[in-house]
Amino acid sequence: MIKLIKRIDKIYDFKNDFMFKHSLGNDQDPGSFYLLKLFIEGILNISCKSITILNPDLVVENIEDKDMLLDIRVQTNTGDYVNIEMQYSAFSKNQYQRFQIYGASLLSRQEKEGD
């Protein structure tokens, strides 16, 4: 169950995990998915062939919750894969290592010539 906090003194934007997840991370809602596609294509200047939300069943109980992971994998029209994860802080050593692992995983998924 989602606990909504009524706070008139604070405005939340897409840097808030809860707002991002519920506005752009609902792959069952065509409007939400369309906005996500526009957002990705506009920010990265790419054309998306497919978009997969890797963990769509995340439950956020409070708008102030932190550390929710909403990973998005995009396949571009050129066949490349892009892993997207919003970060609002400077990278830690663990995040840097995790991104290297993501990159290696995405490289291994790339279609090889002749496939």
PDB file of N, CA and C in Angstrom:
ATOM      1  N   MET A   1       0.833  -1.171   0.000  1.00  0.00           N
ATOM      2  CA  MET A   1       0.000   0.000   0.000  1.00  0.00           C
ATOM      3  C   MET A   1       0.885   1.243   0.000  1.00  0.00           C
ATOM      4  N   ILE A   2       0.532   2.198  -0.823  1.00  0.00           N
ATOM      5  CA  ILE A   2       1.301   3.429  -0.926  1.00  0.00           C
ATOM      6  C   ILE A   2       0.782   4.427   0.095  1.00  0.00           C
ATOM      7  N   LYS A   3       1.707   4.946   0.893  1.00  0.00           N
ATOM      8  CA  LYS A   3       1.357   5.970   1.874  1.00  0.00           C
ATOM      9  C   LYS A   3       1.695   7.325   1.272  1.00  0.00           C
ATOM     10  N   LEU A   4       0.703   8.106   0.988  1.00  0.00           N
ATOM     11  CA  LEU A   4       0.951   9.424   0.427  1.00  0.00           C
ATOM     12  C   LEU A   4       1.082  10.439   1.551  1.00  0.00           C
ATOM     13  N   ILE A   5       2.073  11.274   1.429  1.00  0.00           N
ATOM     14  CA  ILE A   5       2.300  12.319   2.415  1.00  0.00           C
ATOM     15  C   ILE A   5       1.874  13.638   1.786  1.00  0.00           C
ATOM     16  N   LYS A   6       0.990  14.338   2.427  1.00  0.00           N
ATOM     17  CA  LYS A   6       0.569  15.636   1.922  1.00  0.00           C
ATOM     18  C   LYS A   6       1.528  16.686   2.455  1.00  0.00           C
ATOM     19  N   ARG A   7       2.292  17.248   1.526  1.00  0.00           N
ATOM     20  CA  ARG A   7       3.254  18.287   1.890  1.00  0.00           C
ATOM     21  C   ARG A   7       3.084  19.441   0.929  1.00  0.00           C
ATOM     22  N   ILE A   8       2.567  20.492   1.406  1.00  0.00           N
ATOM     23  CA  ILE A   8       2.349  21.664   0.577  1.00  0.00           C
ATOM     24  C   ILE A   8       3.656  22.434   0.384  1.00  0.00           C
ATOM     25  N   ASP A   9       4.585  22.289   1.314  1.00  0.00           N
ATOM     26  CA  ASP A   9       5.814  23.067   1.284  1.00  0.00           C
ATOM     27  C   ASP A   9       6.895  22.472   0.394  1.00  0.00           C
ATOM     28  N   LYS A  10       6.628  21.356  -0.269  1.00  0.00           N
ATOM     29  CA  LYS A  10       7.662  20.713  -1.068  1.00  0.00           C
ATOM     30  C   LYS A  10       7.097  20.293  -2.415  1.00  0.00           C
ATOM     31  N   ILE A  11       7.856  20.555  -3.467  1.00  0.00           N
ATOM     32  CA  ILE A  11       7.475  20.131  -4.810  1.00  0.00           C
ATOM     33  C   ILE A  11       8.453  19.045  -5.228  1.00  0.00           C
ATOM     34  N   TYR A  12       7.917  17.946  -5.734  1.00  0.00           N
ATOM     35  CA  TYR A  12       8.743  16.825  -6.159  1.00  0.00           C
ATOM     36  C   TYR A  12       8.842  16.809  -7.677  1.00  0.00           C
ATOM     37  N   ASP A  13      10.042  16.506  -8.172  1.00  0.00           N
ATOM     38  CA  ASP A  13      10.230  16.401  -9.612  1.00  0.00           C
ATOM     39  C   ASP A  13      10.730  15.002  -9.951  1.00  0.00           C
ATOM     40  N   PHE A  14      11.178  14.811 -11.187  1.00  0.00           N
ATOM     41  CA  PHE A  14      11.572  13.475 -11.630  1.00  0.00           C
ATOM     42  C   PHE A  14      12.848  12.966 -10.972  1.00  0.00           C
ATOM     43  N   LYS A  15      13.576  13.814 -10.233  1.00  0.00           N
ATOM     44  CA  LYS A  15      14.746  13.326  -9.503  1.00  0.00           C
ATOM     45  C   LYS A  15      14.327  12.519  -8.281  1.00  0.00           C
ATOM     46  N   ASN A  16      13.072  12.631  -7.901  1.00  0.00           N
ATOM     47  CA  ASN A  16      12.531  11.839  -6.804  1.00  0.00           C
ATOM     48  C   ASN A  16      12.155  10.465  -7.353  1.00  0.00           C
ATOM     49  N   ASP A  17      12.666   9.403  -6.715  1.00  0.00           N
ATOM     50  CA  ASP A  17      12.430   8.036  -7.187  1.00  0.00           C
ATOM     51  C   ASP A  17      10.949   7.728  -7.363  1.00  0.00           C
ATOM     52  N   PHE A  18      10.156   8.120  -6.394  1.00  0.00           N
ATOM     53  CA  PHE A  18       8.718   7.855  -6.423  1.00  0.00           C
ATOM     54  C   PHE A  18       8.077   8.507  -7.642  1.00  0.00           C
ATOM     55  N   MET A  19       8.395   9.768  -7.878  1.00  0.00           N
ATOM     56  CA  MET A  19       7.805  10.498  -9.003  1.00  0.00           C
ATOM     57  C   MET A  19       8.231   9.898 -10.336  1.00  0.00           C
ATOM     58  N   PHE A  20       9.521   9.563 -10.448  1.00  0.00           N
ATOM     59  CA  PHE A  20      10.016   8.992 -11.696  1.00  0.00           C
ATOM     60  C   PHE A  20       9.338   7.654 -11.969  1.00  0.00           C
ATOM     61  N   LYS A  21       9.289   6.798 -10.952  1.00  0.00           N
ATOM     62  CA  LYS A  21       8.697   5.466 -11.110  1.00  0.00           C
ATOM     63  C   LYS A  21       7.234   5.548 -11.509  1.00  0.00           C
ATOM     64  N   HIS A  22       6.475   6.377 -10.831  1.00  0.00           N
ATOM     65  CA  HIS A  22       5.034   6.413 -11.083  1.00  0.00           C
ATOM     66  C   HIS A  22       4.645   7.270 -12.279  1.00  0.00           C
ATOM     67  N   SER A  23       5.529   8.133 -12.732  1.00  0.00           N
ATOM     68  CA  SER A  23       5.216   8.943 -13.909  1.00  0.00           C
ATOM     69  C   SER A  23       5.717   8.313 -15.199  1.00  0.00           C
ATOM     70  N   LEU A  24       6.897   7.719 -15.153  1.00  0.00           N
ATOM     71  CA  LEU A  24       7.504   7.194 -16.372  1.00  0.00           C
ATOM     72  C   LEU A  24       7.803   5.701 -16.318  1.00  0.00           C
ATOM     73  N   GLY A  25       7.652   5.077 -15.165  1.00  0.00           N
ATOM     74  CA  GLY A  25       8.072   3.688 -15.024  1.00  0.00           C
ATOM     75  C   GLY A  25       6.967   2.663 -15.045  1.00  0.00           C
ATOM     76  N   ASN A  26       5.798   3.016 -15.552  1.00  0.00           N
ATOM     77  CA  ASN A  26       4.683   2.069 -15.602  1.00  0.00           C
ATOM     78  C   ASN A  26       4.560   1.539 -17.019  1.00  0.00           C
ATOM     79  N   ASP A  27       5.148   0.371 -17.281  1.00  0.00           N
ATOM     80  CA  ASP A  27       5.128  -0.167 -18.637  1.00  0.00           C
ATOM     81  C   ASP A  27       3.761  -0.716 -19.045  1.00  0.00           C
ATOM     82  N   GLN A  28       2.799  -0.748 -18.128  1.00  0.00           N
ATOM     83  CA  GLN A  28       1.443  -1.193 -18.448  1.00  0.00           C
ATOM     84  C   GLN A  28       0.549  -0.027 -18.876  1.00  0.00           C
ATOM     85  N   ASP A  29       1.012   1.192 -18.674  1.00  0.00           N
ATOM     86  CA  ASP A  29       0.242   2.383 -19.030  1.00  0.00           C
ATOM     87  C   ASP A  29       0.818   2.970 -20.315  1.00  0.00           C
ATOM     88  N   PRO A  30       0.070   2.920 -21.423  1.00  0.00           N
ATOM     89  CA  PRO A  30       0.601   3.419 -22.700  1.00  0.00           C
ATOM     90  C   PRO A  30       1.052   4.881 -22.639  1.00  0.00           C
ATOM     91  N   GLY A  31       0.347   5.721 -21.899  1.00  0.00           N
ATOM     92  CA  GLY A  31       0.739   7.125 -21.783  1.00  0.00           C
ATOM     93  C   GLY A  31       2.063   7.290 -21.066  1.00  0.00           C
ATOM     94  N   SER A  32       2.240   6.553 -19.980  1.00  0.00           N
ATOM     95  CA  SER A  32       3.481   6.590 -19.215  1.00  0.00           C
ATOM     96  C   SER A  32       4.644   6.081 -20.062  1.00  0.00           C
ATOM     97  N   PHE A  33       4.401   4.988 -20.774  1.00  0.00           N
ATOM     98  CA  PHE A  33       5.448   4.392 -21.603  1.00  0.00           C
ATOM     99  C   PHE A  33       5.820   5.330 -22.757  1.00  0.00           C
ATOM    100  N   TYR A  34       4.836   5.994 -23.329  1.00  0.00           N
ATOM    101  CA  TYR A  34       5.084   6.955 -24.407  1.00  0.00           C
ATOM    102  C   TYR A  34       5.936   8.124 -23.901  1.00  0.00           C
ATOM    103  N   LEU A  35       5.604   8.641 -22.713  1.00  0.00           N
ATOM    104  CA  LEU A  35       6.395   9.728 -22.128  1.00  0.00           C
ATOM    105  C   LEU A  35       7.826   9.284 -21.849  1.00  0.00           C
ATOM    106  N   LEU A  36       7.986   8.046 -21.362  1.00  0.00           N
ATOM    107  CA  LEU A  36       9.324   7.510 -21.112  1.00  0.00           C
ATOM    108  C   LEU A  36      10.124   7.470 -22.409  1.00  0.00           C
ATOM    109  N   LYS A  37       9.496   6.994 -23.479  1.00  0.00           N
ATOM    110  CA  LYS A  37      10.162   6.922 -24.783  1.00  0.00           C
ATOM    111  C   LYS A  37      10.581   8.323 -25.247  1.00  0.00           C
ATOM    112  N   LEU A  38       9.678   9.288 -25.153  1.00  0.00           N
ATOM    113  CA  LEU A  38      10.014  10.663 -25.539  1.00  0.00           C
ATOM    114  C   LEU A  38      11.152  11.222 -24.690  1.00  0.00           C
ATOM    115  N   PHE A  39      11.113  10.948 -23.402  1.00  0.00           N
ATOM    116  CA  PHE A  39      12.130  11.408 -22.462  1.00  0.00           C
ATOM    117  C   PHE A  39      13.502  10.849 -22.851  1.00  0.00           C
ATOM    118  N   ILE A  40      13.568   9.543 -23.066  1.00  0.00           N
ATOM    119  CA  ILE A  40      14.840   8.891 -23.414  1.00  0.00           C
ATOM    120  C   ILE A  40      15.356   9.393 -24.756  1.00  0.00           C
ATOM    121  N   GLU A  41      14.486   9.410 -25.756  1.00  0.00           N
ATOM    122  CA  GLU A  41      14.922   9.838 -27.085  1.00  0.00           C
ATOM    123  C   GLU A  41      15.349  11.305 -27.092  1.00  0.00           C
ATOM    124  N   GLY A  42      14.662  12.134 -26.316  1.00  0.00           N
ATOM    125  CA  GLY A  42      15.013  13.549 -26.257  1.00  0.00           C
ATOM    126  C   GLY A  42      16.319  13.814 -25.534  1.00  0.00           C
ATOM    127  N   ILE A  43      16.530  13.136 -24.413  1.00  0.00           N
ATOM    128  CA  ILE A  43      17.748  13.345 -23.619  1.00  0.00           C
ATOM    129  C   ILE A  43      18.977  12.760 -24.316  1.00  0.00           C
ATOM    130  N   LEU A  44      18.839  11.541 -24.854  1.00  0.00           N
ATOM    131  CA  LEU A  44      19.991  10.845 -25.428  1.00  0.00           C
ATOM    132  C   LEU A  44      20.142  11.042 -26.933  1.00  0.00           C
ATOM    133  N   ASN A  45      19.152  11.682 -27.562  1.00  0.00           N
ATOM    134  CA  ASN A  45      19.178  11.894 -29.008  1.00  0.00           C
ATOM    135  C   ASN A  45      19.355  10.572 -29.762  1.00  0.00           C
ATOM    136  N   ILE A  46      18.526   9.589 -29.407  1.00  0.00           N
ATOM    137  CA  ILE A  46      18.536   8.282 -30.059  1.00  0.00           C
ATOM    138  C   ILE A  46      17.104   7.925 -30.446  1.00  0.00           C
ATOM    139  N   SER A  47      16.962   6.909 -31.291  1.00  0.00           N
ATOM    140  CA  SER A  47      15.644   6.353 -31.609  1.00  0.00           C
ATOM    141  C   SER A  47      15.550   4.986 -30.956  1.00  0.00           C
ATOM    142  N   CYS A  48      14.491   4.763 -30.205  1.00  0.00           N
ATOM    143  CA  CYS A  48      14.324   3.518 -29.460  1.00  0.00           C
ATOM    144  C   CYS A  48      13.555   2.485 -30.275  1.00  0.00           C
ATOM    145  N   LYS A  49      14.150   1.309 -30.417  1.00  0.00           N
ATOM    146  CA  LYS A  49      13.452   0.185 -31.032  1.00  0.00           C
ATOM    147  C   LYS A  49      12.620  -0.526 -29.976  1.00  0.00           C
ATOM    148  N   SER A  50      13.205  -0.703 -28.790  1.00  0.00           N
ATOM    149  CA  SER A  50      12.475  -1.326 -27.683  1.00  0.00           C
ATOM    150  C   SER A  50      12.964  -0.741 -26.363  1.00  0.00           C
ATOM    151  N   ILE A  51      12.055  -0.730 -25.397  1.00  0.00           N
ATOM    152  CA  ILE A  51      12.366  -0.258 -24.049  1.00  0.00           C
ATOM    153  C   ILE A  51      11.868  -1.312 -23.083  1.00  0.00           C
ATOM    154  N   THR A  52      12.739  -1.745 -22.180  1.00  0.00           N
ATOM    155  CA  THR A  52      12.366  -2.741 -21.183  1.00  0.00           C
ATOM    156  C   THR A  52      12.653  -2.185 -19.800  1.00  0.00           C
ATOM    157  N   ILE A  53      11.639  -2.157 -18.959  1.00  0.00           N
ATOM    158  CA  ILE A  53      11.836  -1.795 -17.561  1.00  0.00           C
ATOM    159  C   ILE A  53      12.192  -3.088 -16.845  1.00  0.00           C
ATOM    160  N   LEU A  54      13.414  -3.169 -16.323  1.00  0.00           N
ATOM    161  CA  LEU A  54      13.949  -4.431 -15.820  1.00  0.00           C
ATOM    162  C   LEU A  54      13.337  -4.872 -14.503  1.00  0.00           C
ATOM    163  N   ASN A  55      12.825  -3.957 -13.731  1.00  0.00           N
ATOM    164  CA  ASN A  55      12.231  -4.302 -12.439  1.00  0.00           C
ATOM    165  C   ASN A  55      10.946  -3.497 -12.246  1.00  0.00           C
ATOM    166  N   PRO A  56       9.897  -3.822 -13.023  1.00  0.00           N
ATOM    167  CA  PRO A  56       8.684  -2.999 -13.016  1.00  0.00           C
ATOM    168  C   PRO A  56       7.820  -3.143 -11.769  1.00  0.00           C
ATOM    169  N   ASP A  57       8.060  -4.145 -10.954  1.00  0.00           N
ATOM    170  CA  ASP A  57       7.194  -4.407  -9.808  1.00  0.00           C
ATOM    171  C   ASP A  57       7.692  -3.786  -8.512  1.00  0.00           C
ATOM    172  N   LEU A  58       8.563  -2.794  -8.606  1.00  0.00           N
ATOM    173  CA  LEU A  58       9.062  -2.133  -7.406  1.00  0.00           C
ATOM    174  C   LEU A  58       7.920  -1.478  -6.652  1.00  0.00           C
ATOM    175  N   VAL A  59       7.976  -1.581  -5.352  1.00  0.00           N
ATOM    176  CA  VAL A  59       6.945  -0.978  -4.511  1.00  0.00           C
ATOM    177  C   VAL A  59       7.578   0.154  -3.710  1.00  0.00           C
ATOM    178  N   VAL A  60       7.031   1.321  -3.843  1.00  0.00           N
ATOM    179  CA  VAL A  60       7.486   2.473  -3.073  1.00  0.00           C
ATOM    180  C   VAL A  60       6.389   2.792  -2.081  1.00  0.00           C
ATOM    181  N   GLU A  61       6.741   2.770  -0.805  1.00  0.00           N
ATOM    182  CA  GLU A  61       5.726   2.983   0.223  1.00  0.00           C
ATOM    183  C   GLU A  61       5.621   4.431   0.666  1.00  0.00           C
ATOM    184  N   ASN A  62       6.644   5.203   0.403  1.00  0.00           N
ATOM    185  CA  ASN A  62       6.663   6.573   0.895  1.00  0.00           C
ATOM    186  C   ASN A  62       7.384   7.442  -0.122  1.00  0.00           C
ATOM    187  N   ILE A  63       6.864   8.607  -0.397  1.00  0.00           N
ATOM    188  CA  ILE A  63       7.466   9.495  -1.392  1.00  0.00           C
ATOM    189  C   ILE A  63       8.882   9.918  -1.004  1.00  0.00           C
ATOM    190  N   GLU A  64       9.236   9.820   0.270  1.00  0.00           N
ATOM    191  CA  GLU A  64      10.568  10.191   0.736  1.00  0.00           C
ATOM    192  C   GLU A  64      11.563   9.031   0.669  1.00  0.00           C
ATOM    193  N   ASP A  65      11.110   7.824   0.302  1.00  0.00           N
ATOM    194  CA  ASP A  65      12.010   6.672   0.229  1.00  0.00           C
ATOM    195  C   ASP A  65      13.133   6.938  -0.767  1.00  0.00           C
ATOM    196  N   LYS A  66      14.293   6.395  -0.473  1.00  0.00           N
ATOM    197  CA  LYS A  66      15.467   6.566  -1.326  1.00  0.00           C
ATOM    198  C   LYS A  66      15.955   5.195  -1.783  1.00  0.00           C
ATOM    199  N   ASP A  67      16.900   5.237  -2.702  1.00  0.00           N
ATOM    200  CA  ASP A  67      17.609   4.042  -3.163  1.00  0.00           C
ATOM    201  C   ASP A  67      16.743   3.048  -3.912  1.00  0.00           C
ATOM    202  N   MET A  68      15.662   3.485  -4.508  1.00  0.00           N
ATOM    203  CA  MET A  68      14.896   2.600  -5.365  1.00  0.00           C
ATOM    204  C   MET A  68      15.639   2.494  -6.692  1.00  0.00           C
ATOM    205  N   LEU A  69      15.761   1.305  -7.209  1.00  0.00           N
ATOM    206  CA  LEU A  69      16.453   1.103  -8.469  1.00  0.00           C
ATOM    207  C   LEU A  69      15.440   0.820  -9.563  1.00  0.00           C
ATOM    208  N   LEU A  70      15.395   1.671 -10.555  1.00  0.00           N
ATOM    209  CA  LEU A  70      14.542   1.453 -11.709  1.00  0.00           C
ATOM    210  C   LEU A  70      15.454   1.458 -12.919  1.00  0.00           C
ATOM    211  N   ASP A  71      15.905   0.278 -13.302  1.00  0.00           N
ATOM    212  CA  ASP A  71      16.783   0.161 -14.451  1.00  0.00           C
ATOM    213  C   ASP A  71      15.946   0.017 -15.707  1.00  0.00           C
ATOM    214  N   ILE A  72      16.403   0.662 -16.746  1.00  0.00           N
ATOM    215  CA  ILE A  72      15.711   0.628 -18.025  1.00  0.00           C
ATOM    216  C   ILE A  72      16.732   0.225 -19.080  1.00  0.00           C
ATOM    217  N   ARG A  73      16.378  -0.779 -19.884  1.00  0.00           N
ATOM    218  CA  ARG A  73      17.253  -1.189 -20.987  1.00  0.00           C
ATOM    219  C   ARG A  73      16.583  -0.774 -22.288  1.00  0.00           C
ATOM    220  N   VAL A  74      17.353  -0.094 -23.129  1.00  0.00           N
ATOM    221  CA  VAL A  74      16.854   0.382 -24.414  1.00  0.00           C
ATOM    222  C   VAL A  74      17.652  -0.280 -25.519  1.00  0.00           C
ATOM    223  N   GLN A  75      16.941  -0.750 -26.542  1.00  0.00           N
ATOM    224  CA  GLN A  75      17.618  -1.166 -27.762  1.00  0.00           C
ATOM    225  C   GLN A  75      17.334  -0.079 -28.790  1.00  0.00           C
ATOM    226  N   THR A  76      18.395   0.463 -29.362  1.00  0.00           N
ATOM    227  CA  THR A  76      18.231   1.530 -30.343  1.00  0.00           C
ATOM    228  C   THR A  76      17.886   0.937 -31.703  1.00  0.00           C
ATOM    229  N   ASN A  77      17.480   1.797 -32.619  1.00  0.00           N
ATOM    230  CA  ASN A  77      17.166   1.341 -33.975  1.00  0.00           C
ATOM    231  C   ASN A  77      18.393   0.809 -34.701  1.00  0.00           C
ATOM    232  N   THR A  78      19.582   1.138 -34.200  1.00  0.00           N
ATOM    233  CA  THR A  78      20.812   0.626 -34.811  1.00  0.00           C
ATOM    234  C   THR A  78      21.247  -0.699 -34.188  1.00  0.00           C
ATOM    235  N   GLY A  79      20.485  -1.193 -33.195  1.00  0.00           N
ATOM    236  CA  GLY A  79      20.793  -2.478 -32.570  1.00  0.00           C
ATOM    237  C   GLY A  79      21.641  -2.386 -31.317  1.00  0.00           C
ATOM    238  N   ASP A  80      22.079  -1.188 -30.952  1.00  0.00           N
ATOM    239  CA  ASP A  80      22.868  -1.018 -29.736  1.00  0.00           C
ATOM    240  C   ASP A  80      21.962  -1.075 -28.511  1.00  0.00           C
ATOM    241  N   TYR A  81      22.537  -1.479 -27.382  1.00  0.00           N
ATOM    242  CA  TYR A  81      21.805  -1.511 -26.120  1.00  0.00           C
ATOM    243  C   TYR A  81      22.334  -0.428 -25.197  1.00  0.00           C
ATOM    244  N   VAL A  82      21.421   0.195 -24.468  1.00  0.00           N
ATOM    245  CA  VAL A  82      21.767   1.240 -23.509  1.00  0.00           C
ATOM    246  C   VAL A  82      21.071   0.900 -22.201  1.00  0.00           C
ATOM    247  N   ASN A  83      21.813   0.903 -21.097  1.00  0.00           N
ATOM    248  CA  ASN A  83      21.219   0.699 -19.777  1.00  0.00           C
ATOM    249  C   ASN A  83      21.102   2.068 -19.113  1.00  0.00           C
ATOM    250  N   ILE A  84      19.909   2.381 -18.616  1.00  0.00           N
ATOM    251  CA  ILE A  84      19.661   3.692 -18.026  1.00  0.00           C
ATOM    252  C   ILE A  84      19.313   3.523 -16.557  1.00  0.00           C
ATOM    253  N   GLU A  85      19.987   4.288 -15.731  1.00  0.00           N
ATOM    254  CA  GLU A  85      19.685   4.332 -14.301  1.00  0.00           C
ATOM    255  C   GLU A  85      19.905   5.769 -13.856  1.00  0.00           C
ATOM    256  N   MET A  86      18.890   6.390 -13.305  1.00  0.00           N
ATOM    257  CA  MET A  86      19.025   7.777 -12.885  1.00  0.00           C
ATOM    258  C   MET A  86      19.833   7.843 -11.593  1.00  0.00           C
ATOM    259  N   GLN A  87      20.817   8.734 -11.584  1.00  0.00           N
ATOM    260  CA  GLN A  87      21.625   8.983 -10.398  1.00  0.00           C
ATOM    261  C   GLN A  87      21.562  10.468 -10.100  1.00  0.00           C
ATOM    262  N   TYR A  88      21.341  10.798  -8.856  1.00  0.00           N
ATOM    263  CA  TYR A  88      21.225  12.197  -8.469  1.00  0.00           C
ATOM    264  C   TYR A  88      22.411  12.647  -7.613  1.00  0.00           C
ATOM    265  N   SER A  89      23.393  11.796  -7.483  1.00  0.00           N
ATOM    266  CA  SER A  89      24.546  12.142  -6.658  1.00  0.00           C
ATOM    267  C   SER A  89      25.823  11.778  -7.401  1.00  0.00           C
ATOM    268  N   ALA A  90      26.941  12.218  -6.858  1.00  0.00           N
ATOM    269  CA  ALA A  90      28.228  11.845  -7.433  1.00  0.00           C
ATOM    270  C   ALA A  90      28.399  10.335  -7.321  1.00  0.00           C
ATOM    271  N   PHE A  91      29.103   9.761  -8.276  1.00  0.00           N
ATOM    272  CA  PHE A  91      29.293   8.313  -8.273  1.00  0.00           C
ATOM    273  C   PHE A  91      30.204   7.881  -7.134  1.00  0.00           C
ATOM    274  N   SER A  92      29.808   6.816  -6.466  1.00  0.00           N
ATOM    275  CA  SER A  92      30.674   6.197  -5.475  1.00  0.00           C
ATOM    276  C   SER A  92      31.515   5.142  -6.195  1.00  0.00           C
ATOM    277  N   LYS A  93      32.494   4.618  -5.516  1.00  0.00           N
ATOM    278  CA  LYS A  93      33.332   3.570  -6.103  1.00  0.00           C
ATOM    279  C   LYS A  93      32.478   2.351  -6.458  1.00  0.00           C
ATOM    280  N   ASN A  94      31.536   1.989  -5.587  1.00  0.00           N
ATOM    281  CA  ASN A  94      30.666   0.841  -5.860  1.00  0.00           C
ATOM    282  C   ASN A  94      29.792   1.085  -7.085  1.00  0.00           C
ATOM    283  N   GLN A  95      29.262   2.299  -7.227  1.00  0.00           N
ATOM    284  CA  GLN A  95      28.445   2.611  -8.402  1.00  0.00           C
ATOM    285  C   GLN A  95      29.291   2.538  -9.669  1.00  0.00           C
ATOM    286  N   TYR A  96      30.499   3.066  -9.615  1.00  0.00           N
ATOM    287  CA  TYR A  96      31.388   3.031 -10.772  1.00  0.00           C
ATOM    288  C   TYR A  96      31.646   1.586 -11.195  1.00  0.00           C
ATOM    289  N   GLN A  97      31.928   0.714 -10.225  1.00  0.00           N
ATOM    290  CA  GLN A  97      32.161  -0.698 -10.536  1.00  0.00           C
ATOM    291  C   GLN A  97      30.897  -1.354 -11.093  1.00  0.00           C
ATOM    292  N   ARG A  98      29.739  -1.013 -10.523  1.00  0.00           N
ATOM    293  CA  ARG A  98      28.483  -1.581 -11.008  1.00  0.00           C
ATOM    294  C   ARG A  98      28.231  -1.152 -12.459  1.00  0.00           C
ATOM    295  N   PHE A  99      28.528   0.100 -12.788  1.00  0.00           N
ATOM    296  CA  PHE A  99      28.327   0.579 -14.153  1.00  0.00           C
ATOM    297  C   PHE A  99      29.273  -0.118 -15.127  1.00  0.00           C
ATOM    298  N   GLN A 100      30.476  -0.452 -14.672  1.00  0.00           N
ATOM    299  CA  GLN A 100      31.385  -1.207 -15.527  1.00  0.00           C
ATOM    300  C   GLN A 100      30.812  -2.595 -15.821  1.00  0.00           C
ATOM    301  N   ILE A 101      30.217  -3.217 -14.813  1.00  0.00           N
ATOM    302  CA  ILE A 101      29.595  -4.530 -15.003  1.00  0.00           C
ATOM    303  C   ILE A 101      28.415  -4.414 -15.962  1.00  0.00           C
ATOM    304  N   TYR A 102      27.585  -3.384 -15.783  1.00  0.00           N
ATOM    305  CA  TYR A 102      26.459  -3.159 -16.706  1.00  0.00           C
ATOM    306  C   TYR A 102      26.967  -3.007 -18.137  1.00  0.00           C
ATOM    307  N   GLY A 103      28.023  -2.217 -18.302  1.00  0.00           N
ATOM    308  CA  GLY A 103      28.576  -1.992 -19.633  1.00  0.00           C
ATOM    309  C   GLY A 103      29.069  -3.276 -20.270  1.00  0.00           C
ATOM    310  N   ALA A 104      29.765  -4.093 -19.488  1.00  0.00           N
ATOM    311  CA  ALA A 104      30.249  -5.374 -20.009  1.00  0.00           C
ATOM    312  C   ALA A 104      29.082  -6.278 -20.391  1.00  0.00           C
ATOM    313  N   SER A 105      28.047  -6.280 -19.571  1.00  0.00           N
ATOM    314  CA  SER A 105      26.860  -7.088 -19.867  1.00  0.00           C
ATOM    315  C   SER A 105      26.193  -6.626 -21.156  1.00  0.00           C
ATOM    316  N   LEU A 106      26.078  -5.318 -21.327  1.00  0.00           N
ATOM    317  CA  LEU A 106      25.460  -4.793 -22.545  1.00  0.00           C
ATOM    318  C   LEU A 106      26.300  -5.097 -23.776  1.00  0.00           C
ATOM    319  N   LEU A 107      27.621  -5.003 -23.648  1.00  0.00           N
ATOM    320  CA  LEU A 107      28.493  -5.335 -24.776  1.00  0.00           C
ATOM    321  C   LEU A 107      28.331  -6.791 -25.185  1.00  0.00           C
ATOM    322  N   SER A 108      28.158  -7.672 -24.214  1.00  0.00           N
ATOM    323  CA  SER A 108      28.006  -9.093 -24.540  1.00  0.00           C
ATOM    324  C   SER A 108      26.675  -9.370 -25.234  1.00  0.00           C
ATOM    325  N   ARG A 109      25.707  -8.481 -25.103  1.00  0.00           N
ATOM    326  CA  ARG A 109      24.402  -8.645 -25.751  1.00  0.00           C
ATOM    327  C   ARG A 109      24.376  -8.134 -27.192  1.00  0.00           C
ATOM    328  N   GLN A 110      25.354  -7.320 -27.557  1.00  0.00           N
ATOM    329  CA  GLN A 110      25.339  -6.728 -28.892  1.00  0.00           C
ATOM    330  C   GLN A 110      25.341  -7.829 -29.943  1.00  0.00           C
ATOM    331  N   GLU A 111      24.527  -7.618 -30.962  1.00  0.00           N
ATOM    332  CA  GLU A 111      24.482  -8.588 -32.051  1.00  0.00           C
ATOM    333  C   GLU A 111      25.802  -8.541 -32.799  1.00  0.00           C
ATOM    334  N   LYS A 112      26.289  -9.724 -33.100  1.00  0.00           N
ATOM    335  CA  LYS A 112      27.535  -9.817 -33.842  1.00  0.00           C
ATOM    336  C   LYS A 112      27.220  -9.803 -35.337  1.00  0.00           C
ATOM    337  N   GLU A 113      28.164  -9.311 -36.125  1.00  0.00           N
ATOM    338  CA  GLU A 113      27.964  -9.249 -37.567  1.00  0.00           C
ATOM    339  C   GLU A 113      27.664 -10.647 -38.095  1.00  0.00           C
ATOM    340  N   GLY A 114      26.621 -10.767 -38.883  1.00  0.00           N
ATOM    341  CA  GLY A 114      26.226 -12.062 -39.435  1.00  0.00           C
ATOM    342  C   GLY A 114      25.139 -12.751 -38.647  1.00  0.00           C
ATOM    343  N   ASP A 115      24.803 -12.252 -37.438  1.00  0.00           N
ATOM    344  CA  ASP A 115      23.725 -12.847 -36.632  1.00  0.00           C
ATOM    345  C   ASP A 115      22.379 -12.319 -37.064  1.00  0.00           C
TER     346      ASP A 115
END
